[in-house]
């Protein structure tokens, strides 16, 4: 089991504070898969349909946004280009 602490984000629905559905490991797999094989048809489908707000963790939303921006510009997607995109 992963012992790292994760900040829990909540949403208020009908005056009740609830934790959003989440799967942090799946989010990590999705980002990793796109970095490794962004031209793969399954990754292309993800990039066409997934939105940053579909990711639970803010850090994952930020990284996915950078990846999506590169993809929309038809730029290479790898750890270096994503890092550079995040710096700008």
C-alpha atoms as a PDB file:
ATOM      1  CA  UNK A   1       0.000   0.000   0.000  1.00  0.00           C
ATOM      2  CA  UNK A   2       1.204   3.488  -0.888  1.00  0.00           C
ATOM      3  CA  UNK A   3       2.112   5.302   2.346  1.00  0.00           C
ATOM      4  CA  UNK A   4       2.422   8.775   0.778  1.00  0.00           C
ATOM      5  CA  UNK A   5       0.055  11.376   2.131  1.00  0.00           C
ATOM      6  CA  UNK A   6      -2.435  12.765  -0.362  1.00  0.00           C
ATOM      7  CA  UNK A   7      -4.393  15.938   0.219  1.00  0.00           C
ATOM      8  CA  UNK A   8      -8.073  15.042   0.085  1.00  0.00           C
ATOM      9  CA  UNK A   9     -10.142  17.443  -1.985  1.00  0.00           C
ATOM     10  CA  UNK A  10     -13.823  17.732  -1.248  1.00  0.00           C
ATOM     11  CA  UNK A  11     -16.871  19.109  -3.010  1.00  0.00           C
ATOM     12  CA  UNK A  12     -19.994  20.587  -1.480  1.00  0.00           C
ATOM     13  CA  UNK A  13     -23.179  19.032  -2.885  1.00  0.00           C
ATOM     14  CA  UNK A  14     -26.573  19.809  -1.344  1.00  0.00           C
ATOM     15  CA  UNK A  15     -24.848  21.375   1.676  1.00  0.00           C
ATOM     16  CA  UNK A  16     -22.939  18.135   2.319  1.00  0.00           C
ATOM     17  CA  UNK A  17     -19.184  17.997   2.005  1.00  0.00           C
ATOM     18  CA  UNK A  18     -18.158  14.905   0.050  1.00  0.00           C
ATOM     19  CA  UNK A  19     -14.914  13.475  -1.247  1.00  0.00           C
ATOM     20  CA  UNK A  20     -14.877  13.239  -5.029  1.00  0.00           C
ATOM     21  CA  UNK A  21     -14.493   9.787  -6.599  1.00  0.00           C
ATOM     22  CA  UNK A  22     -10.821   9.174  -7.228  1.00  0.00           C
ATOM     23  CA  UNK A  23      -8.210   6.712  -8.362  1.00  0.00           C
ATOM     24  CA  UNK A  24      -4.800   8.311  -8.018  1.00  0.00           C
ATOM     25  CA  UNK A  25      -2.922   5.288  -9.371  1.00  0.00           C
ATOM     26  CA  UNK A  26      -5.043   5.227 -12.527  1.00  0.00           C
ATOM     27  CA  UNK A  27      -4.347   8.925 -13.045  1.00  0.00           C
ATOM     28  CA  UNK A  28      -0.622   8.176 -12.773  1.00  0.00           C
ATOM     29  CA  UNK A  29      -0.925   5.319 -15.273  1.00  0.00           C
ATOM     30  CA  UNK A  30      -2.777   7.527 -17.753  1.00  0.00           C
ATOM     31  CA  UNK A  31      -0.187  10.297 -17.599  1.00  0.00           C
ATOM     32  CA  UNK A  32       2.647   7.757 -17.805  1.00  0.00           C
ATOM     33  CA  UNK A  33       1.089   5.979 -20.781  1.00  0.00           C
ATOM     34  CA  UNK A  34       0.689   9.243 -22.659  1.00  0.00           C
ATOM     35  CA  UNK A  35       4.320  10.168 -21.969  1.00  0.00           C
ATOM     36  CA  UNK A  36       5.509   6.788 -23.251  1.00  0.00           C
ATOM     37  CA  UNK A  37       3.158   6.242 -26.200  1.00  0.00           C
ATOM     38  CA  UNK A  38       1.179   9.393 -27.000  1.00  0.00           C
ATOM     39  CA  UNK A  39       0.760   8.347 -30.637  1.00  0.00           C
ATOM     40  CA  UNK A  40      -0.934   5.080 -29.654  1.00  0.00           C
ATOM     41  CA  UNK A  41      -4.616   5.007 -30.636  1.00  0.00           C
ATOM     42  CA  UNK A  42      -5.773   4.510 -27.029  1.00  0.00           C
ATOM     43  CA  UNK A  43      -3.738   7.506 -25.850  1.00  0.00           C
ATOM     44  CA  UNK A  44      -5.130   9.545 -28.740  1.00  0.00           C
ATOM     45  CA  UNK A  45      -8.662   8.691 -27.581  1.00  0.00           C
ATOM     46  CA  UNK A  46      -7.802   9.824 -24.056  1.00  0.00           C
ATOM     47  CA  UNK A  47      -6.333  13.093 -25.323  1.00  0.00           C
ATOM     48  CA  UNK A  48      -9.433  13.698 -27.437  1.00  0.00           C
ATOM     49  CA  UNK A  49     -11.912  13.102 -24.641  1.00  0.00           C
ATOM     50  CA  UNK A  50     -10.336  13.599 -21.199  1.00  0.00           C
ATOM     51  CA  UNK A  51     -10.305  17.048 -19.632  1.00  0.00           C
ATOM     52  CA  UNK A  52      -8.002  18.301 -16.886  1.00  0.00           C
ATOM     53  CA  UNK A  53     -10.948  18.467 -14.470  1.00  0.00           C
ATOM     54  CA  UNK A  54     -11.367  14.695 -14.836  1.00  0.00           C
ATOM     55  CA  UNK A  55      -8.207  14.322 -12.740  1.00  0.00           C
ATOM     56  CA  UNK A  56      -8.627  14.386  -8.985  1.00  0.00           C
ATOM     57  CA  UNK A  57      -5.216  15.701  -7.928  1.00  0.00           C
ATOM     58  CA  UNK A  58      -4.323  19.280  -8.844  1.00  0.00           C
ATOM     59  CA  UNK A  59      -0.780  18.185  -9.780  1.00  0.00           C
ATOM     60  CA  UNK A  60      -2.195  15.675 -12.265  1.00  0.00           C
ATOM     61  CA  UNK A  61      -4.511  18.334 -13.718  1.00  0.00           C
ATOM     62  CA  UNK A  62      -1.550  20.677 -14.245  1.00  0.00           C
ATOM     63  CA  UNK A  63       0.595  17.999 -15.913  1.00  0.00           C
ATOM     64  CA  UNK A  64      -2.291  16.784 -18.090  1.00  0.00           C
ATOM     65  CA  UNK A  65      -3.031  20.373 -19.159  1.00  0.00           C
ATOM     66  CA  UNK A  66       0.588  20.779 -20.287  1.00  0.00           C
ATOM     67  CA  UNK A  67       0.417  17.472 -22.188  1.00  0.00           C
ATOM     68  CA  UNK A  68      -2.890  18.436 -23.819  1.00  0.00           C
ATOM     69  CA  UNK A  69      -1.504  21.829 -24.900  1.00  0.00           C
ATOM     70  CA  UNK A  70       1.479  20.135 -26.540  1.00  0.00           C
ATOM     71  CA  UNK A  71      -0.815  17.615 -28.245  1.00  0.00           C
ATOM     72  CA  UNK A  72      -3.071  20.388 -29.576  1.00  0.00           C
ATOM     73  CA  UNK A  73       0.023  22.102 -31.036  1.00  0.00           C
ATOM     74  CA  UNK A  74       1.095  18.792 -32.607  1.00  0.00           C
ATOM     75  CA  UNK A  75       4.341  19.036 -30.631  1.00  0.00           C
ATOM     76  CA  UNK A  76       6.341  16.088 -29.347  1.00  0.00           C
ATOM     77  CA  UNK A  77       5.226  14.798 -25.964  1.00  0.00           C
ATOM     78  CA  UNK A  78       7.920  13.483 -23.666  1.00  0.00           C
ATOM     79  CA  UNK A  79       9.310  14.257 -20.231  1.00  0.00           C
ATOM     80  CA  UNK A  80      11.508  17.069 -21.573  1.00  0.00           C
ATOM     81  CA  UNK A  81       8.837  18.863 -23.596  1.00  0.00           C
ATOM     82  CA  UNK A  82       6.263  18.519 -20.821  1.00  0.00           C
ATOM     83  CA  UNK A  83       8.741  19.861 -18.247  1.00  0.00           C
ATOM     84  CA  UNK A  84       9.529  22.788 -20.525  1.00  0.00           C
ATOM     85  CA  UNK A  85       5.807  23.451 -21.044  1.00  0.00           C
ATOM     86  CA  UNK A  86       5.250  23.455 -17.281  1.00  0.00           C
ATOM     87  CA  UNK A  87       7.991  26.050 -16.814  1.00  0.00           C
ATOM     88  CA  UNK A  88       6.333  28.523 -19.183  1.00  0.00           C
END
